[in-house]
Amino acid sequence: GPIVYPELNNLIIMPICPHTLTNRPLLVSGKRKISVCMVPKLNECAILTVDGQRQIKFDSACHAEIKVSPYYVLLAAKNENSYWDVLKTKLGWRGYI
């Protein structure tokens, strides 16, 4: 998926194992609500996976709404390196950002 600056409030919609190049990760504002449904076809279904945890059988009778949760988690971490320093190290970037 894309690299997203931590202070941004966004949703990343990530297709898993897409079969065409037109199915790409999508980054949308966290203020938006996304509706997902399947195009009706005879006897076809898919599996909807949410956050890699829960799998749901998803067919043309199903409808899902994706939105940012009103709940959040505060994480504590050592602040020895900046966000950009970590990216430079992990991705092998050179120069100054």
PDB file of N, CA and C in Angstrom:
ATOM      1  N   GLY A   1       0.811  -1.185   0.000  1.00  0.00           N
ATOM      2  CA  GLY A   1       0.000   0.000   0.000  1.00  0.00           C
ATOM      3  C   GLY A   1       0.851   1.243   0.000  1.00  0.00           C
ATOM      4  N   PRO A   2       0.219   2.375  -0.044  1.00  0.00           N
ATOM      5  CA  PRO A   2       0.948   3.642  -0.087  1.00  0.00           C
ATOM      6  C   PRO A   2       1.567   3.988   1.263  1.00  0.00           C
ATOM      7  N   ILE A   3       2.585   4.823   1.219  1.00  0.00           N
ATOM      8  CA  ILE A   3       3.169   5.375   2.441  1.00  0.00           C
ATOM      9  C   ILE A   3       2.340   6.602   2.791  1.00  0.00           C
ATOM     10  N   VAL A   4       1.765   6.614   3.992  1.00  0.00           N
ATOM     11  CA  VAL A   4       0.872   7.697   4.396  1.00  0.00           C
ATOM     12  C   VAL A   4       1.443   8.368   5.640  1.00  0.00           C
ATOM     13  N   TYR A   5       1.543   9.685   5.591  1.00  0.00           N
ATOM     14  CA  TYR A   5       2.035  10.437   6.736  1.00  0.00           C
ATOM     15  C   TYR A   5       1.131  10.182   7.938  1.00  0.00           C
ATOM     16  N   PRO A   6       1.694   9.884   9.114  1.00  0.00           N
ATOM     17  CA  PRO A   6       0.905   9.434  10.260  1.00  0.00           C
ATOM     18  C   PRO A   6      -0.158  10.408  10.773  1.00  0.00           C
ATOM     19  N   GLU A   7      -0.001  11.693  10.529  1.00  0.00           N
ATOM     20  CA  GLU A   7      -0.964  12.660  11.047  1.00  0.00           C
ATOM     21  C   GLU A   7      -2.196  12.809  10.156  1.00  0.00           C
ATOM     22  N   LEU A   8      -2.206  12.161   8.995  1.00  0.00           N
ATOM     23  CA  LEU A   8      -3.343  12.255   8.092  1.00  0.00           C
ATOM     24  C   LEU A   8      -4.447  11.305   8.534  1.00  0.00           C
ATOM     25  N   ASN A   9      -5.676  11.735   8.378  1.00  0.00           N
ATOM     26  CA  ASN A   9      -6.839  10.916   8.718  1.00  0.00           C
ATOM     27  C   ASN A   9      -7.418  10.370   7.413  1.00  0.00           C
ATOM     28  N   ASN A  10      -6.934   9.210   6.989  1.00  0.00           N
ATOM     29  CA  ASN A  10      -7.331   8.632   5.709  1.00  0.00           C
ATOM     30  C   ASN A  10      -7.737   7.177   5.858  1.00  0.00           C
ATOM     31  N   LEU A  11      -8.440   6.705   4.862  1.00  0.00           N
ATOM     32  CA  LEU A  11      -8.739   5.285   4.712  1.00  0.00           C
ATOM     33  C   LEU A  11      -7.938   4.764   3.524  1.00  0.00           C
ATOM     34  N   ILE A  12      -7.376   3.580   3.658  1.00  0.00           N
ATOM     35  CA  ILE A  12      -6.718   2.929   2.535  1.00  0.00           C
ATOM     36  C   ILE A  12      -7.547   1.700   2.190  1.00  0.00           C
ATOM     37  N   ILE A  13      -8.048   1.666   0.970  1.00  0.00           N
ATOM     38  CA  ILE A  13      -8.795   0.504   0.494  1.00  0.00           C
ATOM     39  C   ILE A  13      -7.841  -0.266  -0.407  1.00  0.00           C
ATOM     40  N   MET A  14      -7.489  -1.485   0.019  1.00  0.00           N
ATOM     41  CA  MET A  14      -6.420  -2.243  -0.618  1.00  0.00           C
ATOM     42  C   MET A  14      -6.952  -3.550  -1.182  1.00  0.00           C
ATOM     43  N   PRO A  15      -7.036  -3.686  -2.507  1.00  0.00           N
ATOM     44  CA  PRO A  15      -7.430  -4.978  -3.074  1.00  0.00           C
ATOM     45  C   PRO A  15      -6.338  -6.023  -2.798  1.00  0.00           C
ATOM     46  N   ILE A  16      -6.753  -7.212  -2.412  1.00  0.00           N
ATOM     47  CA  ILE A  16      -5.810  -8.301  -2.166  1.00  0.00           C
ATOM     48  C   ILE A  16      -5.830  -9.217  -3.375  1.00  0.00           C
ATOM     49  N   CYS A  17      -4.675  -9.474  -3.941  1.00  0.00           N
ATOM     50  CA  CYS A  17      -4.531 -10.349  -5.117  1.00  0.00           C
ATOM     51  C   CYS A  17      -5.444  -9.929  -6.268  1.00  0.00           C
ATOM     52  N   PRO A  18      -5.380  -8.675  -6.697  1.00  0.00           N
ATOM     53  CA  PRO A  18      -6.222  -8.267  -7.827  1.00  0.00           C
ATOM     54  C   PRO A  18      -5.770  -8.980  -9.100  1.00  0.00           C
ATOM     55  N   HIS A  19      -6.703  -9.235  -9.982  1.00  0.00           N
ATOM     56  CA  HIS A  19      -6.395  -9.953 -11.216  1.00  0.00           C
ATOM     57  C   HIS A  19      -6.152  -9.019 -12.392  1.00  0.00           C
ATOM     58  N   THR A  20      -6.345  -7.719 -12.191  1.00  0.00           N
ATOM     59  CA  THR A  20      -6.067  -6.755 -13.254  1.00  0.00           C
ATOM     60  C   THR A  20      -5.340  -5.564 -12.658  1.00  0.00           C
ATOM     61  N   LEU A  21      -4.639  -4.821 -13.496  1.00  0.00           N
ATOM     62  CA  LEU A  21      -3.906  -3.643 -13.020  1.00  0.00           C
ATOM     63  C   LEU A  21      -4.826  -2.470 -12.713  1.00  0.00           C
ATOM     64  N   THR A  22      -6.104  -2.577 -13.070  1.00  0.00           N
ATOM     65  CA  THR A  22      -7.036  -1.483 -12.785  1.00  0.00           C
ATOM     66  C   THR A  22      -7.504  -1.504 -11.332  1.00  0.00           C
ATOM     67  N   ASN A  23      -7.264  -2.580 -10.611  1.00  0.00           N
ATOM     68  CA  ASN A  23      -7.619  -2.670  -9.186  1.00  0.00           C
ATOM     69  C   ASN A  23      -6.413  -2.240  -8.364  1.00  0.00           C
ATOM     70  N   ARG A  24      -6.383  -0.985  -7.977  1.00  0.00           N
ATOM     71  CA  ARG A  24      -5.245  -0.399  -7.281  1.00  0.00           C
ATOM     72  C   ARG A  24      -5.647   0.047  -5.873  1.00  0.00           C
ATOM     73  N   PRO A  25      -4.667   0.209  -4.971  1.00  0.00           N
ATOM     74  CA  PRO A  25      -5.000   0.764  -3.657  1.00  0.00           C
ATOM     75  C   PRO A  25      -5.624   2.146  -3.827  1.00  0.00           C
ATOM     76  N   LEU A  26      -6.579   2.452  -2.969  1.00  0.00           N
ATOM     77  CA  LEU A  26      -7.290   3.723  -3.050  1.00  0.00           C
ATOM     78  C   LEU A  26      -7.176   4.432  -1.705  1.00  0.00           C
ATOM     79  N   LEU A  27      -6.738   5.669  -1.719  1.00  0.00           N
ATOM     80  CA  LEU A  27      -6.596   6.477  -0.515  1.00  0.00           C
ATOM     81  C   LEU A  27      -7.682   7.547  -0.546  1.00  0.00           C
ATOM     82  N   VAL A  28      -8.558   7.535   0.466  1.00  0.00           N
ATOM     83  CA  VAL A  28      -9.660   8.507   0.523  1.00  0.00           C
ATOM     84  C   VAL A  28      -9.662   9.198   1.886  1.00  0.00           C
ATOM     85  N   SER A  29     -10.303  10.327   1.946  1.00  0.00           N
ATOM     86  CA  SER A  29     -10.404  11.081   3.189  1.00  0.00           C
ATOM     87  C   SER A  29     -11.119  10.256   4.253  1.00  0.00           C
ATOM     88  N   GLY A  30     -10.658  10.364   5.484  1.00  0.00           N
ATOM     89  CA  GLY A  30     -11.298   9.678   6.594  1.00  0.00           C
ATOM     90  C   GLY A  30     -12.686  10.217   6.914  1.00  0.00           C
ATOM     91  N   LYS A  31     -13.063  11.327   6.300  1.00  0.00           N
ATOM     92  CA  LYS A  31     -14.396  11.897   6.503  1.00  0.00           C
ATOM     93  C   LYS A  31     -15.440  11.259   5.599  1.00  0.00           C
ATOM     94  N   ARG A  32     -15.003  10.461   4.636  1.00  0.00           N
ATOM     95  CA  ARG A  32     -15.913   9.857   3.663  1.00  0.00           C
ATOM     96  C   ARG A  32     -16.446   8.515   4.158  1.00  0.00           C
ATOM     97  N   LYS A  33     -17.610   8.127   3.638  1.00  0.00           N
ATOM     98  CA  LYS A  33     -18.149   6.784   3.843  1.00  0.00           C
ATOM     99  C   LYS A  33     -18.161   6.111   2.471  1.00  0.00           C
ATOM    100  N   ILE A  34     -17.633   4.909   2.406  1.00  0.00           N
ATOM    101  CA  ILE A  34     -17.536   4.175   1.149  1.00  0.00           C
ATOM    102  C   ILE A  34     -18.521   3.013   1.193  1.00  0.00           C
ATOM    103  N   SER A  35     -19.350   2.885   0.172  1.00  0.00           N
ATOM    104  CA  SER A  35     -20.286   1.762   0.062  1.00  0.00           C
ATOM    105  C   SER A  35     -19.727   0.740  -0.917  1.00  0.00           C
ATOM    106  N   VAL A  36     -19.808  -0.526  -0.544  1.00  0.00           N
ATOM    107  CA  VAL A  36     -19.299  -1.615  -1.384  1.00  0.00           C
ATOM    108  C   VAL A  36     -20.426  -2.604  -1.630  1.00  0.00           C
ATOM    109  N   CYS A  37     -20.595  -2.983  -2.900  1.00  0.00           N
ATOM    110  CA  CYS A  37     -21.559  -4.016  -3.245  1.00  0.00           C
ATOM    111  C   CYS A  37     -21.021  -4.772  -4.454  1.00  0.00           C
ATOM    112  N   MET A  38     -21.565  -5.947  -4.705  1.00  0.00           N
ATOM    113  CA  MET A  38     -21.159  -6.743  -5.866  1.00  0.00           C
ATOM    114  C   MET A  38     -22.162  -6.561  -6.990  1.00  0.00           C
ATOM    115  N   VAL A  39     -21.644  -6.602  -8.203  1.00  0.00           N
ATOM    116  CA  VAL A  39     -22.518  -6.609  -9.365  1.00  0.00           C
ATOM    117  C   VAL A  39     -23.202  -7.976  -9.388  1.00  0.00           C
ATOM    118  N   PRO A  40     -24.528  -8.004  -9.482  1.00  0.00           N
ATOM    119  CA  PRO A  40     -25.232  -9.295  -9.447  1.00  0.00           C
ATOM    120  C   PRO A  40     -24.845 -10.203 -10.622  1.00  0.00           C
ATOM    121  N   LYS A  41     -24.411 -11.406 -10.289  1.00  0.00           N
ATOM    122  CA  LYS A  41     -24.142 -12.451 -11.275  1.00  0.00           C
ATOM    123  C   LYS A  41     -24.631 -13.755 -10.671  1.00  0.00           C
ATOM    124  N   LEU A  42     -25.017 -14.652 -11.498  1.00  0.00           N
ATOM    125  CA  LEU A  42     -25.590 -15.924 -11.061  1.00  0.00           C
ATOM    126  C   LEU A  42     -24.584 -16.756 -10.258  1.00  0.00           C
ATOM    127  N   ASN A  43     -24.936 -17.086  -9.034  1.00  0.00           N
ATOM    128  CA  ASN A  43     -24.169 -17.995  -8.166  1.00  0.00           C
ATOM    129  C   ASN A  43     -22.720 -17.584  -7.938  1.00  0.00           C
ATOM    130  N   GLU A  44     -22.440 -16.300  -7.855  1.00  0.00           N
ATOM    131  CA  GLU A  44     -21.078 -15.862  -7.575  1.00  0.00           C
ATOM    132  C   GLU A  44     -21.029 -15.185  -6.211  1.00  0.00           C
ATOM    133  N   CYS A  45     -19.931 -15.410  -5.497  1.00  0.00           N
ATOM    134  CA  CYS A  45     -19.722 -14.736  -4.226  1.00  0.00           C
ATOM    135  C   CYS A  45     -18.241 -14.468  -4.053  1.00  0.00           C
ATOM    136  N   ALA A  46     -17.927 -13.651  -3.096  1.00  0.00           N
ATOM    137  CA  ALA A  46     -16.544 -13.296  -2.784  1.00  0.00           C
ATOM    138  C   ALA A  46     -16.373 -13.374  -1.277  1.00  0.00           C
ATOM    139  N   ILE A  47     -15.148 -13.190  -0.833  1.00  0.00           N
ATOM    140  CA  ILE A  47     -14.854 -13.119   0.594  1.00  0.00           C
ATOM    141  C   ILE A  47     -14.397 -11.698   0.890  1.00  0.00           C
ATOM    142  N   LEU A  48     -15.049 -11.049   1.824  1.00  0.00           N
ATOM    143  CA  LEU A  48     -14.674  -9.717   2.275  1.00  0.00           C
ATOM    144  C   LEU A  48     -13.834  -9.892   3.537  1.00  0.00           C
ATOM    145  N   THR A  49     -12.612  -9.388   3.517  1.00  0.00           N
ATOM    146  CA  THR A  49     -11.729  -9.462   4.678  1.00  0.00           C
ATOM    147  C   THR A  49     -11.524  -8.056   5.211  1.00  0.00           C
ATOM    148  N   VAL A  50     -11.746  -7.874   6.507  1.00  0.00           N
ATOM    149  CA  VAL A  50     -11.629  -6.560   7.129  1.00  0.00           C
ATOM    150  C   VAL A  50     -10.430  -6.554   8.062  1.00  0.00           C
ATOM    151  N   ASP A  51      -9.490  -5.647   7.797  1.00  0.00           N
ATOM    152  CA  ASP A  51      -8.256  -5.514   8.593  1.00  0.00           C
ATOM    153  C   ASP A  51      -7.516  -6.839   8.733  1.00  0.00           C
ATOM    154  N   GLY A  52      -7.646  -7.726   7.770  1.00  0.00           N
ATOM    155  CA  GLY A  52      -6.941  -9.000   7.809  1.00  0.00           C
ATOM    156  C   GLY A  52      -7.419  -9.928   8.906  1.00  0.00           C
ATOM    157  N   GLN A  53      -8.538  -9.631   9.544  1.00  0.00           N
ATOM    158  CA  GLN A  53      -8.990 -10.388  10.695  1.00  0.00           C
ATOM    159  C   GLN A  53     -10.248 -11.211  10.419  1.00  0.00           C
ATOM    160  N   ARG A  54     -11.293 -10.548  10.023  1.00  0.00           N
ATOM    161  CA  ARG A  54     -12.595 -11.192   9.895  1.00  0.00           C
ATOM    162  C   ARG A  54     -12.939 -11.414   8.433  1.00  0.00           C
ATOM    163  N   GLN A  55     -13.365 -12.633   8.109  1.00  0.00           N
ATOM    164  CA  GLN A  55     -13.752 -12.952   6.737  1.00  0.00           C
ATOM    165  C   GLN A  55     -15.257 -13.167   6.678  1.00  0.00           C
ATOM    166  N   ILE A  56     -15.885 -12.536   5.677  1.00  0.00           N
ATOM    167  CA  ILE A  56     -17.336 -12.594   5.534  1.00  0.00           C
ATOM    168  C   ILE A  56     -17.678 -12.994   4.107  1.00  0.00           C
ATOM    169  N   LYS A  57     -18.579 -13.966   3.946  1.00  0.00           N
ATOM    170  CA  LYS A  57     -19.059 -14.313   2.611  1.00  0.00           C
ATOM    171  C   LYS A  57     -19.848 -13.125   2.078  1.00  0.00           C
ATOM    172  N   PHE A  58     -19.540 -12.702   0.862  1.00  0.00           N
ATOM    173  CA  PHE A  58     -20.094 -11.473   0.307  1.00  0.00           C
ATOM    174  C   PHE A  58     -20.652 -11.791  -1.076  1.00  0.00           C
ATOM    175  N   ASP A  59     -21.980 -11.665  -1.231  1.00  0.00           N
ATOM    176  CA  ASP A  59     -22.593 -11.912  -2.535  1.00  0.00           C
ATOM    177  C   ASP A  59     -23.425 -10.710  -2.947  1.00  0.00           C
ATOM    178  N   SER A  60     -24.190 -10.834  -4.016  1.00  0.00           N
ATOM    179  CA  SER A  60     -24.920  -9.676  -4.554  1.00  0.00           C
ATOM    180  C   SER A  60     -26.017  -9.174  -3.604  1.00  0.00           C
ATOM    181  N   ALA A  61     -26.384  -9.968  -2.606  1.00  0.00           N
ATOM    182  CA  ALA A  61     -27.383  -9.523  -1.626  1.00  0.00           C
ATOM    183  C   ALA A  61     -26.742  -8.679  -0.515  1.00  0.00           C
ATOM    184  N   CYS A  62     -25.421  -8.662  -0.467  1.00  0.00           N
ATOM    185  CA  CYS A  62     -24.705  -7.969   0.613  1.00  0.00           C
ATOM    186  C   CYS A  62     -24.373  -6.530   0.242  1.00  0.00           C
ATOM    187  N   HIS A  63     -24.184  -5.739   1.279  1.00  0.00           N
ATOM    188  CA  HIS A  63     -23.796  -4.337   1.140  1.00  0.00           C
ATOM    189  C   HIS A  63     -22.922  -4.008   2.344  1.00  0.00           C
ATOM    190  N   ALA A  64     -21.810  -3.344   2.125  1.00  0.00           N
ATOM    191  CA  ALA A  64     -20.923  -2.965   3.227  1.00  0.00           C
ATOM    192  C   ALA A  64     -20.651  -1.468   3.168  1.00  0.00           C
ATOM    193  N   GLU A  65     -20.527  -0.852   4.337  1.00  0.00           N
ATOM    194  CA  GLU A  65     -20.165   0.554   4.418  1.00  0.00           C
ATOM    195  C   GLU A  65     -18.851   0.643   5.177  1.00  0.00           C
ATOM    196  N   ILE A  66     -17.906   1.366   4.615  1.00  0.00           N
ATOM    197  CA  ILE A  66     -16.579   1.515   5.213  1.00  0.00           C
ATOM    198  C   ILE A  66     -16.436   2.953   5.682  1.00  0.00           C
ATOM    199  N   LYS A  67     -16.046   3.116   6.947  1.00  0.00           N
ATOM    200  CA  LYS A  67     -15.824   4.459   7.484  1.00  0.00           C
ATOM    201  C   LYS A  67     -14.814   4.369   8.621  1.00  0.00           C
ATOM    202  N   VAL A  68     -14.256   5.504   8.991  1.00  0.00           N
ATOM    203  CA  VAL A  68     -13.297   5.566  10.094  1.00  0.00           C
ATOM    204  C   VAL A  68     -14.046   5.362  11.407  1.00  0.00           C
ATOM    205  N   SER A  69     -13.462   4.579  12.278  1.00  0.00           N
ATOM    206  CA  SER A  69     -14.055   4.342  13.592  1.00  0.00           C
ATOM    207  C   SER A  69     -13.980   5.608  14.448  1.00  0.00           C
ATOM    208  N   PRO A  70     -14.968   5.830  15.303  1.00  0.00           N
ATOM    209  CA  PRO A  70     -14.880   6.976  16.221  1.00  0.00           C
ATOM    210  C   PRO A  70     -13.888   6.718  17.354  1.00  0.00           C
ATOM    211  N   TYR A  71     -13.416   5.483  17.483  1.00  0.00           N
ATOM    212  CA  TYR A  71     -12.477   5.116  18.537  1.00  0.00           C
ATOM    213  C   TYR A  71     -11.051   5.152  17.997  1.00  0.00           C
ATOM    214  N   TYR A  72     -10.105   5.499  18.846  1.00  0.00           N
ATOM    215  CA  TYR A  72      -8.715   5.513  18.446  1.00  0.00           C
ATOM    216  C   TYR A  72      -7.848   5.016  19.587  1.00  0.00           C
ATOM    217  N   VAL A  73      -6.609   4.718  19.279  1.00  0.00           N
ATOM    218  CA  VAL A  73      -5.663   4.206  20.256  1.00  0.00           C
ATOM    219  C   VAL A  73      -4.465   5.138  20.316  1.00  0.00           C
ATOM    220  N   LEU A  74      -4.072   5.504  21.504  1.00  0.00           N
ATOM    221  CA  LEU A  74      -2.853   6.294  21.677  1.00  0.00           C
ATOM    222  C   LEU A  74      -1.701   5.319  21.904  1.00  0.00           C
ATOM    223  N   LEU A  75      -0.653   5.460  21.116  1.00  0.00           N
ATOM    224  CA  LEU A  75       0.510   4.595  21.233  1.00  0.00           C
ATOM    225  C   LEU A  75       1.677   5.398  21.782  1.00  0.00           C
ATOM    226  N   ALA A  76       2.451   4.774  22.639  1.00  0.00           N
ATOM    227  CA  ALA A  76       3.646   5.416  23.176  1.00  0.00           C
ATOM    228  C   ALA A  76       4.858   4.813  22.479  1.00  0.00           C
ATOM    229  N   ALA A  77       5.783   5.670  22.087  1.00  0.00           N
ATOM    230  CA  ALA A  77       6.994   5.188  21.428  1.00  0.00           C
ATOM    231  C   ALA A  77       8.137   6.146  21.728  1.00  0.00           C
ATOM    232  N   LYS A  78       9.358   5.626  21.697  1.00  0.00           N
ATOM    233  CA  LYS A  78      10.527   6.489  21.835  1.00  0.00           C
ATOM    234  C   LYS A  78      10.598   7.371  20.598  1.00  0.00           C
ATOM    235  N   ASN A  79      10.879   8.621  20.806  1.00  0.00           N
ATOM    236  CA  ASN A  79      10.904   9.570  19.695  1.00  0.00           C
ATOM    237  C   ASN A  79      12.344   9.895  19.308  1.00  0.00           C
ATOM    238  N   GLU A  80      13.180   8.848  19.160  1.00  0.00           N
ATOM    239  CA  GLU A  80      14.589   9.068  18.858  1.00  0.00           C
ATOM    240  C   GLU A  80      14.793   9.486  17.404  1.00  0.00           C
ATOM    241  N   ASN A  81      14.022   8.916  16.497  1.00  0.00           N
ATOM    242  CA  ASN A  81      14.157   9.221  15.078  1.00  0.00           C
ATOM    243  C   ASN A  81      12.860   9.816  14.555  1.00  0.00           C
ATOM    244  N   SER A  82      12.988  10.744  13.632  1.00  0.00           N
ATOM    245  CA  SER A  82      11.793  11.333  13.038  1.00  0.00           C
ATOM    246  C   SER A  82      11.164  10.348  12.059  1.00  0.00           C
ATOM    247  N   TYR A  83       9.942  10.613  11.689  1.00  0.00           N
ATOM    248  CA  TYR A  83       9.232   9.807  10.690  1.00  0.00           C
ATOM    249  C   TYR A  83      10.061   9.706   9.411  1.00  0.00           C
ATOM    250  N   TRP A  84      10.639  10.834   8.992  1.00  0.00           N
ATOM    251  CA  TRP A  84      11.406  10.861   7.751  1.00  0.00           C
ATOM    252  C   TRP A  84      12.717  10.095   7.886  1.00  0.00           C
ATOM    253  N   ASP A  85      13.347  10.131   9.061  1.00  0.00           N
ATOM    254  CA  ASP A  85      14.573   9.356   9.283  1.00  0.00           C
ATOM    255  C   ASP A  85      14.287   7.861   9.173  1.00  0.00           C
ATOM    256  N   VAL A  86      13.163   7.427   9.732  1.00  0.00           N
ATOM    257  CA  VAL A  86      12.792   6.008   9.658  1.00  0.00           C
ATOM    258  C   VAL A  86      12.565   5.599   8.206  1.00  0.00           C
ATOM    259  N   LEU A  87      11.853   6.423   7.431  1.00  0.00           N
ATOM    260  CA  LEU A  87      11.631   6.112   6.017  1.00  0.00           C
ATOM    261  C   LEU A  87      12.949   6.031   5.251  1.00  0.00           C
ATOM    262  N   LYS A  88      13.831   7.004   5.501  1.00  0.00           N
ATOM    263  CA  LYS A  88      15.124   7.004   4.810  1.00  0.00           C
ATOM    264  C   LYS A  88      15.899   5.723   5.113  1.00  0.00           C
ATOM    265  N   THR A  89      15.880   5.294   6.361  1.00  0.00           N
ATOM    266  CA  THR A  89      16.617   4.092   6.745  1.00  0.00           C
ATOM    267  C   THR A  89      15.987   2.837   6.149  1.00  0.00           C
ATOM    268  N   LYS A  90      14.675   2.678   6.318  1.00  0.00           N
ATOM    269  CA  LYS A  90      14.002   1.460   5.862  1.00  0.00           C
ATOM    270  C   LYS A  90      13.973   1.330   4.352  1.00  0.00           C
ATOM    271  N   LEU A  91      13.858   2.462   3.643  1.00  0.00           N
ATOM    272  CA  LEU A  91      13.728   2.402   2.195  1.00  0.00           C
ATOM    273  C   LEU A  91      15.019   2.699   1.455  1.00  0.00           C
ATOM    274  N   GLY A  92      16.079   2.969   2.198  1.00  0.00           N
ATOM    275  CA  GLY A  92      17.376   3.225   1.563  1.00  0.00           C
ATOM    276  C   GLY A  92      17.435   4.545   0.810  1.00  0.00           C
ATOM    277  N   TRP A  93      16.633   5.509   1.236  1.00  0.00           N
ATOM    278  CA  TRP A  93      16.641   6.817   0.582  1.00  0.00           C
ATOM    279  C   TRP A  93      17.925   7.556   0.949  1.00  0.00           C
ATOM    280  N   ARG A  94      18.448   8.315   0.034  1.00  0.00           N
ATOM    281  CA  ARG A  94      19.648   9.091   0.295  1.00  0.00           C
ATOM    282  C   ARG A  94      19.318  10.576   0.212  1.00  0.00           C
ATOM    283  N   GLY A  95      20.145  11.394   0.809  1.00  0.00           N
ATOM    284  CA  GLY A  95      19.940  12.836   0.737  1.00  0.00           C
ATOM    285  C   GLY A  95      19.081  13.340   1.879  1.00  0.00           C
ATOM    286  N   TYR A  96      18.614  14.551   1.732  1.00  0.00           N
ATOM    287  CA  TYR A  96      17.842  15.205   2.785  1.00  0.00           C
ATOM    288  C   TYR A  96      16.374  15.323   2.371  1.00  0.00           C
ATOM    289  N   ILE A  97      15.525  15.191   3.344  1.00  0.00           N
ATOM    290  CA  ILE A  97      14.087  15.390   3.118  1.00  0.00           C
ATOM    291  C   ILE A  97      13.642  16.508   4.027  1.00  0.00           C
TER     292      ILE A  97
END
